[in-house]
C-alpha atoms as a PDB file:
ATOM      1  CA  MET A   1      18.264   3.111   4.864  1.00  0.00           C
ATOM      2  CA  THR A   2      18.038  -0.192   5.358  1.00  0.00           C
ATOM      3  CA  THR A   3      16.593  -2.577   3.228  1.00  0.00           C
ATOM      4  CA  ALA A   4      13.712  -3.533   5.589  1.00  0.00           C
ATOM      5  CA  THR A   5      12.860   0.092   5.783  1.00  0.00           C
ATOM      6  CA  ALA A   6      12.800   0.831   2.143  1.00  0.00           C
ATOM      7  CA  GLU A   7      10.497  -2.079   1.893  1.00  0.00           C
ATOM      8  CA  LEU A   8       7.661  -0.352   4.145  1.00  0.00           C
ATOM      9  CA  LEU A   9       6.149   2.443   2.295  1.00  0.00           C
ATOM     10  CA  THR A  10       4.024   5.286   4.161  1.00  0.00           C
ATOM     11  CA  VAL A  11       0.520   6.294   2.975  1.00  0.00           C
ATOM     12  CA  PRO A  12       2.013   9.061   1.095  1.00  0.00           C
ATOM     13  CA  GLU A  13       4.338   7.037  -0.703  1.00  0.00           C
ATOM     14  CA  VAL A  14       1.710   4.814  -1.632  1.00  0.00           C
ATOM     15  CA  MET A  15      -0.739   7.544  -2.687  1.00  0.00           C
ATOM     16  CA  ALA A  16       2.293   8.483  -5.223  1.00  0.00           C
ATOM     17  CA  ARG A  17       2.940   5.257  -6.062  1.00  0.00           C
ATOM     18  CA  LEU A  18      -1.029   4.936  -7.277  1.00  0.00           C
ATOM     19  CA  LYS A  19      -2.056   7.904  -7.830  1.00  0.00           C
ATOM     20  CA  LEU A  20      -4.771   7.777  -5.440  1.00  0.00           C
ATOM     21  CA  GLY A  21      -5.979  10.142  -2.711  1.00  0.00           C
ATOM     22  CA  ARG A  22      -5.346   9.812   0.833  1.00  0.00           C
ATOM     23  CA  SER A  23      -9.193   8.515   1.418  1.00  0.00           C
ATOM     24  CA  THR A  24      -8.918   5.669  -1.009  1.00  0.00           C
ATOM     25  CA  VAL A  25      -5.677   4.331  -0.028  1.00  0.00           C
ATOM     26  CA  TYR A  26      -7.025   4.019   3.725  1.00  0.00           C
ATOM     27  CA  ASP A  27     -10.501   2.461   2.238  1.00  0.00           C
ATOM     28  CA  LEU A  28      -8.365  -0.057   0.431  1.00  0.00           C
ATOM     29  CA  ILE A  29      -6.276  -0.632   3.767  1.00  0.00           C
ATOM     30  CA  ARG A  30      -9.928  -1.063   5.709  1.00  0.00           C
ATOM     31  CA  SER A  31     -11.265  -3.087   3.182  1.00  0.00           C
ATOM     32  CA  ARG A  32      -8.154  -5.544   3.571  1.00  0.00           C
ATOM     33  CA  ARG A  33      -7.291  -5.125  -0.734  1.00  0.00           C
ATOM     34  CA  LEU A  34      -4.323  -3.568   0.534  1.00  0.00           C
ATOM     35  CA  VAL A  35      -2.088  -5.096   3.349  1.00  0.00           C
ATOM     36  CA  SER A  36      -0.809  -2.898   5.988  1.00  0.00           C
ATOM     37  CA  ILE A  37       0.805  -2.865   9.308  1.00  0.00           C
ATOM     38  CA  THR A  38       1.116  -0.526  12.474  1.00  0.00           C
ATOM     39  CA  ILE A  39       4.129   0.206  13.798  1.00  0.00           C
ATOM     40  CA  GLY A  40       3.477   2.448  16.835  1.00  0.00           C
ATOM     41  CA  ARG A  41       0.918   4.893  15.738  1.00  0.00           C
ATOM     42  CA  SER A  42       2.364   4.792  12.205  1.00  0.00           C
ATOM     43  CA  ARG A  43       0.774   2.892   9.145  1.00  0.00           C
ATOM     44  CA  ARG A  44       2.819   1.202   6.574  1.00  0.00           C
ATOM     45  CA  VAL A  45       2.191  -0.773   3.646  1.00  0.00           C
ATOM     46  CA  PRO A  46       4.960  -3.718   2.545  1.00  0.00           C
ATOM     47  CA  ALA A  47       5.912  -2.757  -0.989  1.00  0.00           C
ATOM     48  CA  TYR A  48       5.280  -6.322  -2.181  1.00  0.00           C
ATOM     49  CA  ALA A  49       1.460  -5.806  -1.335  1.00  0.00           C
ATOM     50  CA  VAL A  50       1.140  -2.714  -3.646  1.00  0.00           C
ATOM     51  CA  ARG A  51       2.510  -4.896  -6.373  1.00  0.00           C
ATOM     52  CA  ASP A  52       0.190  -7.530  -5.602  1.00  0.00           C
ATOM     53  CA  PHE A  53      -2.433  -4.942  -5.782  1.00  0.00           C
ATOM     54  CA  ILE A  54      -1.544  -3.786  -8.955  1.00  0.00           C
ATOM     55  CA  ASN A  55      -1.357  -7.191 -10.330  1.00  0.00           C
ATOM     56  CA  HIS A  56      -4.674  -8.134  -8.977  1.00  0.00           C
ATOM     57  CA  GLN A  57      -6.403  -5.422 -10.665  1.00  0.00           C
ATOM     58  CA  ILE A  58      -4.542  -6.093 -13.755  1.00  0.00           C
ATOM     59  CA  GLU A  59      -6.059  -9.906 -13.716  1.00  0.00           C
ATOM     60  CA  GLU A  60      -9.557  -8.569 -12.905  1.00  0.00           C
ATOM     61  CA  ALA A  61      -9.525  -5.785 -15.727  1.00  0.00           C
ATOM     62  CA  ALA A  62      -8.631  -8.716 -18.266  1.00  0.00           C
END
């Protein structure tokens, strides 16, 4: 697995990292709170987008 491939997460991988359901992850993507890209018919989330989302949620909670 290359570095570029390792940095793009599938929706199930994002679900596992954030401990959220599929619908919630897709809602975050749809509302643009979580950055994603489409490759063919596959949706991928860059690893940095998950980290940014978590950091933003922490800042909002503080």
